Amino acid sequence: MPCSRKSSAKKEVKEKEEVKLDDLSKKILDAMKKLGRPVKCGEIAKELGVPVQQVTGKMRSLVKSGLVKKAEEGTYKLP
């Protein structure tokens, strides 16, 4: 009978895989660290001097990857 620990070990490795970030995603994370509180995409866009649509699109990817969490309505925070 196979041990179920192997599958959970594989799962842990998969969860710890490194996420490759583009420059804008890195800048968004840096801005969030600098601000130190839940922020709206518009705040980050203003801070970085980029269109809010670009930040919104990147934010979806960052949430999906687990690097950012949705906070109160319309805001995002670091986990």
PDB file of N, CA and C in Angstrom:
ATOM      1  N   MET A   1       0.844  -1.180   0.000  1.00  0.00           N
ATOM      2  CA  MET A   1       0.000   0.000   0.000  1.00  0.00           C
ATOM      3  C   MET A   1       0.891   1.247   0.000  1.00  0.00           C
ATOM      4  N   PRO A   2       0.725   2.156  -0.962  1.00  0.00           N
ATOM      5  CA  PRO A   2       1.571   3.347  -1.037  1.00  0.00           C
ATOM      6  C   PRO A   2       1.274   4.321   0.106  1.00  0.00           C
ATOM      7  N   CYS A   3       2.298   4.988   0.512  1.00  0.00           N
ATOM      8  CA  CYS A   3       2.183   5.965   1.590  1.00  0.00           C
ATOM      9  C   CYS A   3       1.683   7.294   1.011  1.00  0.00           C
ATOM     10  N   SER A   4       0.718   7.907   1.656  1.00  0.00           N
ATOM     11  CA  SER A   4       0.154   9.156   1.140  1.00  0.00           C
ATOM     12  C   SER A   4       1.070  10.354   1.384  1.00  0.00           C
ATOM     13  N   ARG A   5       2.107  10.191   2.171  1.00  0.00           N
ATOM     14  CA  ARG A   5       3.025  11.298   2.444  1.00  0.00           C
ATOM     15  C   ARG A   5       3.757  11.762   1.194  1.00  0.00           C
ATOM     16  N   LYS A   6       4.018  10.864   0.267  1.00  0.00           N
ATOM     17  CA  LYS A   6       4.724  11.255  -0.955  1.00  0.00           C
ATOM     18  C   LYS A   6       3.945  12.316  -1.716  1.00  0.00           C
ATOM     19  N   SER A   7       2.646  12.120  -1.839  1.00  0.00           N
ATOM     20  CA  SER A   7       1.864  13.094  -2.593  1.00  0.00           C
ATOM     21  C   SER A   7       1.819  14.435  -1.875  1.00  0.00           C
ATOM     22  N   SER A   8       1.756  14.428  -0.549  1.00  0.00           N
ATOM     23  CA  SER A   8       1.745  15.708   0.150  1.00  0.00           C
ATOM     24  C   SER A   8       3.113  16.383   0.066  1.00  0.00           C
ATOM     25  N   ALA A   9       4.183  15.609   0.036  1.00  0.00           N
ATOM     26  CA  ALA A   9       5.517  16.192  -0.117  1.00  0.00           C
ATOM     27  C   ALA A   9       5.647  16.859  -1.481  1.00  0.00           C
ATOM     28  N   LYS A  10       5.121  16.214  -2.510  1.00  0.00           N
ATOM     29  CA  LYS A  10       5.151  16.816  -3.849  1.00  0.00           C
ATOM     30  C   LYS A  10       4.351  18.107  -3.855  1.00  0.00           C
ATOM     31  N   LYS A  11       3.236  18.111  -3.156  1.00  0.00           N
ATOM     32  CA  LYS A  11       2.388  19.286  -3.092  1.00  0.00           C
ATOM     33  C   LYS A  11       3.135  20.447  -2.431  1.00  0.00           C
ATOM     34  N   GLU A  12       3.869  20.160  -1.343  1.00  0.00           N
ATOM     35  CA  GLU A  12       4.632  21.195  -0.659  1.00  0.00           C
ATOM     36  C   GLU A  12       5.690  21.795  -1.572  1.00  0.00           C
ATOM     37  N   VAL A  13       6.372  20.971  -2.334  1.00  0.00           N
ATOM     38  CA  VAL A  13       7.399  21.464  -3.254  1.00  0.00           C
ATOM     39  C   VAL A  13       6.761  22.365  -4.296  1.00  0.00           C
ATOM     40  N   LYS A  14       5.619  21.962  -4.820  1.00  0.00           N
ATOM     41  CA  LYS A  14       4.941  22.755  -5.836  1.00  0.00           C
ATOM     42  C   LYS A  14       4.540  24.122  -5.279  1.00  0.00           C
ATOM     43  N   GLU A  15       4.070  24.149  -4.023  1.00  0.00           N
ATOM     44  CA  GLU A  15       3.651  25.407  -3.427  1.00  0.00           C
ATOM     45  C   GLU A  15       4.815  26.362  -3.220  1.00  0.00           C
ATOM     46  N   LYS A  16       6.019  25.844  -3.065  1.00  0.00           N
ATOM     47  CA  LYS A  16       7.183  26.677  -2.795  1.00  0.00           C
ATOM     48  C   LYS A  16       7.950  27.062  -4.053  1.00  0.00           C
ATOM     49  N   GLU A  17       7.412  26.723  -5.221  1.00  0.00           N
ATOM     50  CA  GLU A  17       8.091  27.073  -6.466  1.00  0.00           C
ATOM     51  C   GLU A  17       8.221  28.587  -6.575  1.00  0.00           C
ATOM     52  N   GLU A  18       9.323  29.015  -7.139  1.00  0.00           N
ATOM     53  CA  GLU A  18       9.578  30.438  -7.289  1.00  0.00           C
ATOM     54  C   GLU A  18       8.701  31.010  -8.396  1.00  0.00           C
ATOM     55  N   VAL A  19       8.105  32.144  -8.108  1.00  0.00           N
ATOM     56  CA  VAL A  19       7.276  32.832  -9.085  1.00  0.00           C
ATOM     57  C   VAL A  19       8.148  33.868  -9.779  1.00  0.00           C
ATOM     58  N   LYS A  20       8.161  33.836 -11.107  1.00  0.00           N
ATOM     59  CA  LYS A  20       8.946  34.816 -11.863  1.00  0.00           C
ATOM     60  C   LYS A  20       8.109  36.082 -12.029  1.00  0.00           C
ATOM     61  N   LEU A  21       8.706  37.202 -11.683  1.00  0.00           N
ATOM     62  CA  LEU A  21       8.003  38.478 -11.740  1.00  0.00           C
ATOM     63  C   LEU A  21       8.627  39.397 -12.778  1.00  0.00           C
ATOM     64  N   ASP A  22       7.775  40.122 -13.488  1.00  0.00           N
ATOM     65  CA  ASP A  22       8.290  41.136 -14.404  1.00  0.00           C
ATOM     66  C   ASP A  22       8.574  42.416 -13.607  1.00  0.00           C
ATOM     67  N   ASP A  23       9.137  43.401 -14.274  1.00  0.00           N
ATOM     68  CA  ASP A  23       9.536  44.636 -13.591  1.00  0.00           C
ATOM     69  C   ASP A  23       8.361  45.347 -12.926  1.00  0.00           C
ATOM     70  N   LEU A  24       7.226  45.425 -13.613  1.00  0.00           N
ATOM     71  CA  LEU A  24       6.083  46.130 -13.036  1.00  0.00           C
ATOM     72  C   LEU A  24       5.579  45.417 -11.785  1.00  0.00           C
ATOM     73  N   SER A  25       5.518  44.098 -11.814  1.00  0.00           N
ATOM     74  CA  SER A  25       5.072  43.349 -10.634  1.00  0.00           C
ATOM     75  C   SER A  25       6.007  43.598  -9.452  1.00  0.00           C
ATOM     76  N   LYS A  26       7.304  43.627  -9.710  1.00  0.00           N
ATOM     77  CA  LYS A  26       8.278  43.906  -8.643  1.00  0.00           C
ATOM     78  C   LYS A  26       8.075  45.311  -8.089  1.00  0.00           C
ATOM     79  N   LYS A  27       7.837  46.273  -8.983  1.00  0.00           N
ATOM     80  CA  LYS A  27       7.622  47.654  -8.543  1.00  0.00           C
ATOM     81  C   LYS A  27       6.341  47.775  -7.716  1.00  0.00           C
ATOM     82  N   ILE A  28       5.308  47.033  -8.104  1.00  0.00           N
ATOM     83  CA  ILE A  28       4.051  47.045  -7.351  1.00  0.00           C
ATOM     84  C   ILE A  28       4.287  46.513  -5.940  1.00  0.00           C
ATOM     85  N   LEU A  29       4.981  45.390  -5.832  1.00  0.00           N
ATOM     86  CA  LEU A  29       5.264  44.810  -4.514  1.00  0.00           C
ATOM     87  C   LEU A  29       6.120  45.754  -3.672  1.00  0.00           C
ATOM     88  N   ASP A  30       7.099  46.386  -4.292  1.00  0.00           N
ATOM     89  CA  ASP A  30       7.941  47.346  -3.566  1.00  0.00           C
ATOM     90  C   ASP A  30       7.115  48.530  -3.060  1.00  0.00           C
ATOM     91  N   ALA A  31       6.212  49.033  -3.901  1.00  0.00           N
ATOM     92  CA  ALA A  31       5.360  50.155  -3.501  1.00  0.00           C
ATOM     93  C   ALA A  31       4.443  49.748  -2.349  1.00  0.00           C
ATOM     94  N   MET A  32       3.926  48.535  -2.394  1.00  0.00           N
ATOM     95  CA  MET A  32       3.058  48.058  -1.317  1.00  0.00           C
ATOM     96  C   MET A  32       3.835  47.947  -0.005  1.00  0.00           C
ATOM     97  N   LYS A  33       5.071  47.470  -0.080  1.00  0.00           N
ATOM     98  CA  LYS A  33       5.917  47.383   1.122  1.00  0.00           C
ATOM     99  C   LYS A  33       6.183  48.781   1.672  1.00  0.00           C
ATOM    100  N   LYS A  34       6.483  49.709   0.772  1.00  0.00           N
ATOM    101  CA  LYS A  34       6.793  51.088   1.166  1.00  0.00           C
ATOM    102  C   LYS A  34       5.595  51.741   1.857  1.00  0.00           C
ATOM    103  N   LEU A  35       4.403  51.545   1.296  1.00  0.00           N
ATOM    104  CA  LEU A  35       3.204  52.162   1.861  1.00  0.00           C
ATOM    105  C   LEU A  35       2.785  51.483   3.167  1.00  0.00           C
ATOM    106  N   GLY A  36       3.016  50.182   3.274  1.00  0.00           N
ATOM    107  CA  GLY A  36       2.797  49.467   4.524  1.00  0.00           C
ATOM    108  C   GLY A  36       1.364  49.336   5.000  1.00  0.00           C
ATOM    109  N   ARG A  37       0.418  49.412   4.102  1.00  0.00           N
ATOM    110  CA  ARG A  37      -1.005  49.291   4.453  1.00  0.00           C
ATOM    111  C   ARG A  37      -1.769  48.812   3.227  1.00  0.00           C
ATOM    112  N   PRO A  38      -3.026  48.380   3.412  1.00  0.00           N
ATOM    113  CA  PRO A  38      -3.819  48.013   2.235  1.00  0.00           C
ATOM    114  C   PRO A  38      -3.959  49.217   1.300  1.00  0.00           C
ATOM    115  N   VAL A  39      -3.808  48.959   0.008  1.00  0.00           N
ATOM    116  CA  VAL A  39      -3.831  50.048  -0.973  1.00  0.00           C
ATOM    117  C   VAL A  39      -4.738  49.713  -2.150  1.00  0.00           C
ATOM    118  N   LYS A  40      -5.188  50.759  -2.822  1.00  0.00           N
ATOM    119  CA  LYS A  40      -5.979  50.605  -4.041  1.00  0.00           C
ATOM    120  C   LYS A  40      -5.036  50.639  -5.239  1.00  0.00           C
ATOM    121  N   CYS A  41      -5.475  50.040  -6.326  1.00  0.00           N
ATOM    122  CA  CYS A  41      -4.665  50.022  -7.548  1.00  0.00           C
ATOM    123  C   CYS A  41      -4.343  51.437  -8.016  1.00  0.00           C
ATOM    124  N   GLY A  42      -5.286  52.347  -7.851  1.00  0.00           N
ATOM    125  CA  GLY A  42      -5.069  53.733  -8.256  1.00  0.00           C
ATOM    126  C   GLY A  42      -3.932  54.398  -7.501  1.00  0.00           C
ATOM    127  N   GLU A  43      -3.802  54.073  -6.208  1.00  0.00           N
ATOM    128  CA  GLU A  43      -2.707  54.631  -5.403  1.00  0.00           C
ATOM    129  C   GLU A  43      -1.357  54.149  -5.920  1.00  0.00           C
ATOM    130  N   ILE A  44      -1.302  52.866  -6.225  1.00  0.00           N
ATOM    131  CA  ILE A  44      -0.050  52.291  -6.717  1.00  0.00           C
ATOM    132  C   ILE A  44       0.276  52.858  -8.093  1.00  0.00           C
ATOM    133  N   ALA A  45      -0.743  52.974  -8.944  1.00  0.00           N
ATOM    134  CA  ALA A  45      -0.535  53.531 -10.282  1.00  0.00           C
ATOM    135  C   ALA A  45       0.027  54.948 -10.188  1.00  0.00           C
ATOM    136  N   LYS A  46      -0.534  55.741  -9.288  1.00  0.00           N
ATOM    137  CA  LYS A  46      -0.058  57.116  -9.103  1.00  0.00           C
ATOM    138  C   LYS A  46       1.382  57.113  -8.594  1.00  0.00           C
ATOM    139  N   GLU A  47       1.671  56.259  -7.633  1.00  0.00           N
ATOM    140  CA  GLU A  47       3.024  56.150  -7.057  1.00  0.00           C
ATOM    141  C   GLU A  47       4.056  55.782  -8.128  1.00  0.00           C
ATOM    142  N   LEU A  48       3.656  54.876  -9.039  1.00  0.00           N
ATOM    143  CA  LEU A  48       4.588  54.374 -10.053  1.00  0.00           C
ATOM    144  C   LEU A  48       4.543  55.152 -11.367  1.00  0.00           C
ATOM    145  N   GLY A  49       3.517  55.979 -11.541  1.00  0.00           N
ATOM    146  CA  GLY A  49       3.390  56.740 -12.781  1.00  0.00           C
ATOM    147  C   GLY A  49       3.002  55.890 -13.980  1.00  0.00           C
ATOM    148  N   VAL A  50       2.125  54.899 -13.737  1.00  0.00           N
ATOM    149  CA  VAL A  50       1.652  54.020 -14.813  1.00  0.00           C
ATOM    150  C   VAL A  50       0.126  54.019 -14.817  1.00  0.00           C
ATOM    151  N   PRO A  51      -0.495  53.626 -15.932  1.00  0.00           N
ATOM    152  CA  PRO A  51      -1.958  53.565 -15.984  1.00  0.00           C
ATOM    153  C   PRO A  51      -2.522  52.556 -14.976  1.00  0.00           C
ATOM    154  N   VAL A  52      -3.650  52.920 -14.372  1.00  0.00           N
ATOM    155  CA  VAL A  52      -4.275  52.056 -13.368  1.00  0.00           C
ATOM    156  C   VAL A  52      -4.651  50.691 -13.955  1.00  0.00           C
ATOM    157  N   GLN A  53      -4.971  50.648 -15.255  1.00  0.00           N
ATOM    158  CA  GLN A  53      -5.329  49.379 -15.889  1.00  0.00           C
ATOM    159  C   GLN A  53      -4.167  48.388 -15.845  1.00  0.00           C
ATOM    160  N   GLN A  54      -2.956  48.879 -16.002  1.00  0.00           N
ATOM    161  CA  GLN A  54      -1.783  47.998 -15.940  1.00  0.00           C
ATOM    162  C   GLN A  54      -1.625  47.419 -14.538  1.00  0.00           C
ATOM    163  N   VAL A  55      -1.807  48.264 -13.532  1.00  0.00           N
ATOM    164  CA  VAL A  55      -1.681  47.805 -12.146  1.00  0.00           C
ATOM    165  C   VAL A  55      -2.779  46.797 -11.831  1.00  0.00           C
ATOM    166  N   THR A  56      -3.998  47.070 -12.271  1.00  0.00           N
ATOM    167  CA  THR A  56      -5.118  46.167 -12.010  1.00  0.00           C
ATOM    168  C   THR A  56      -4.854  44.788 -12.603  1.00  0.00           C
ATOM    169  N   GLY A  57      -4.370  44.743 -13.824  1.00  0.00           N
ATOM    170  CA  GLY A  57      -4.067  43.462 -14.467  1.00  0.00           C
ATOM    171  C   GLY A  57      -2.976  42.697 -13.740  1.00  0.00           C
ATOM    172  N   LYS A  58      -1.920  43.395 -13.358  1.00  0.00           N
ATOM    173  CA  LYS A  58      -0.820  42.744 -12.629  1.00  0.00           C
ATOM    174  C   LYS A  58      -1.288  42.284 -11.253  1.00  0.00           C
ATOM    175  N   MET A  59      -2.156  43.072 -10.628  1.00  0.00           N
ATOM    176  CA  MET A  59      -2.640  42.729  -9.292  1.00  0.00           C
ATOM    177  C   MET A  59      -3.404  41.406  -9.319  1.00  0.00           C
ATOM    178  N   ARG A  60      -4.185  41.188 -10.374  1.00  0.00           N
ATOM    179  CA  ARG A  60      -4.901  39.904 -10.505  1.00  0.00           C
ATOM    180  C   ARG A  60      -3.916  38.743 -10.512  1.00  0.00           C
ATOM    181  N   SER A  61      -2.838  38.896 -11.256  1.00  0.00           N
ATOM    182  CA  SER A  61      -1.815  37.845 -11.320  1.00  0.00           C
ATOM    183  C   SER A  61      -1.125  37.656  -9.975  1.00  0.00           C
ATOM    184  N   LEU A  62      -0.848  38.744  -9.286  1.00  0.00           N
ATOM    185  CA  LEU A  62      -0.185  38.660  -7.985  1.00  0.00           C
ATOM    186  C   LEU A  62      -1.081  37.985  -6.946  1.00  0.00           C
ATOM    187  N   VAL A  63      -2.385  38.246  -7.017  1.00  0.00           N
ATOM    188  CA  VAL A  63      -3.334  37.585  -6.107  1.00  0.00           C
ATOM    189  C   VAL A  63      -3.377  36.096  -6.420  1.00  0.00           C
ATOM    190  N   LYS A  64      -3.459  35.769  -7.701  1.00  0.00           N
ATOM    191  CA  LYS A  64      -3.518  34.363  -8.117  1.00  0.00           C
ATOM    192  C   LYS A  64      -2.280  33.594  -7.661  1.00  0.00           C
ATOM    193  N   SER A  65      -1.126  34.244  -7.679  1.00  0.00           N
ATOM    194  CA  SER A  65       0.119  33.586  -7.276  1.00  0.00           C
ATOM    195  C   SER A  65       0.291  33.552  -5.757  1.00  0.00           C
ATOM    196  N   GLY A  66      -0.564  34.274  -5.031  1.00  0.00           N
ATOM    197  CA  GLY A  66      -0.492  34.272  -3.573  1.00  0.00           C
ATOM    198  C   GLY A  66       0.447  35.310  -2.985  1.00  0.00           C
ATOM    199  N   LEU A  67       1.023  36.158  -3.829  1.00  0.00           N
ATOM    200  CA  LEU A  67       1.949  37.179  -3.337  1.00  0.00           C
ATOM    201  C   LEU A  67       1.232  38.398  -2.770  1.00  0.00           C
ATOM    202  N   VAL A  68      -0.039  38.557  -3.149  1.00  0.00           N
ATOM    203  CA  VAL A  68      -0.869  39.663  -2.671  1.00  0.00           C
ATOM    204  C   VAL A  68      -2.224  39.076  -2.302  1.00  0.00           C
ATOM    205  N   LYS A  69      -2.867  39.667  -1.307  1.00  0.00           N
ATOM    206  CA  LYS A  69      -4.204  39.233  -0.888  1.00  0.00           C
ATOM    207  C   LYS A  69      -5.177  40.393  -1.061  1.00  0.00           C
ATOM    208  N   LYS A  70      -6.431  40.038  -1.386  1.00  0.00           N
ATOM    209  CA  LYS A  70      -7.469  41.060  -1.409  1.00  0.00           C
ATOM    210  C   LYS A  70      -7.780  41.413   0.039  1.00  0.00           C
ATOM    211  N   ALA A  71      -7.916  42.702   0.307  1.00  0.00           N
ATOM    212  CA  ALA A  71      -8.226  43.163   1.657  1.00  0.00           C
ATOM    213  C   ALA A  71      -9.662  43.684   1.657  1.00  0.00           C
ATOM    214  N   GLU A  72      -9.867  44.825   2.269  1.00  0.00           N
ATOM    215  CA  GLU A  72     -11.190  45.435   2.265  1.00  0.00           C
ATOM    216  C   GLU A  72     -11.573  45.765   0.827  1.00  0.00           C
ATOM    217  N   GLU A  73     -12.825  46.053   0.620  1.00  0.00           N
ATOM    218  CA  GLU A  73     -13.328  46.281  -0.737  1.00  0.00           C
ATOM    219  C   GLU A  73     -12.450  47.243  -1.534  1.00  0.00           C
ATOM    220  N   GLY A  74     -11.933  46.731  -2.638  1.00  0.00           N
ATOM    221  CA  GLY A  74     -11.136  47.555  -3.540  1.00  0.00           C
ATOM    222  C   GLY A  74      -9.692  47.757  -3.139  1.00  0.00           C
ATOM    223  N   THR A  75      -9.256  47.088  -2.071  1.00  0.00           N
ATOM    224  CA  THR A  75      -7.866  47.249  -1.651  1.00  0.00           C
ATOM    225  C   THR A  75      -7.146  45.910  -1.629  1.00  0.00           C
ATOM    226  N   TYR A  76      -5.840  46.004  -1.641  1.00  0.00           N
ATOM    227  CA  TYR A  76      -4.975  44.820  -1.637  1.00  0.00           C
ATOM    228  C   TYR A  76      -3.903  45.000  -0.575  1.00  0.00           C
ATOM    229  N   LYS A  77      -3.428  43.866  -0.041  1.00  0.00           N
ATOM    230  CA  LYS A  77      -2.375  43.914   0.976  1.00  0.00           C
ATOM    231  C   LYS A  77      -1.406  42.768   0.765  1.00  0.00           C
ATOM    232  N   LEU A  78      -0.252  42.893   1.382  1.00  0.00           N
ATOM    233  CA  LEU A  78       0.723  41.808   1.355  1.00  0.00           C
ATOM    234  C   LEU A  78       0.311  40.779   2.400  1.00  0.00           C
ATOM    235  N   PRO A  79       0.518  39.500   2.113  1.00  0.00           N
ATOM    236  CA  PRO A  79       0.112  38.470   3.088  1.00  0.00           C
ATOM    237  C   PRO A  79       0.931  38.508   4.368  1.00  0.00           C
TER     238      PRO A  79
END
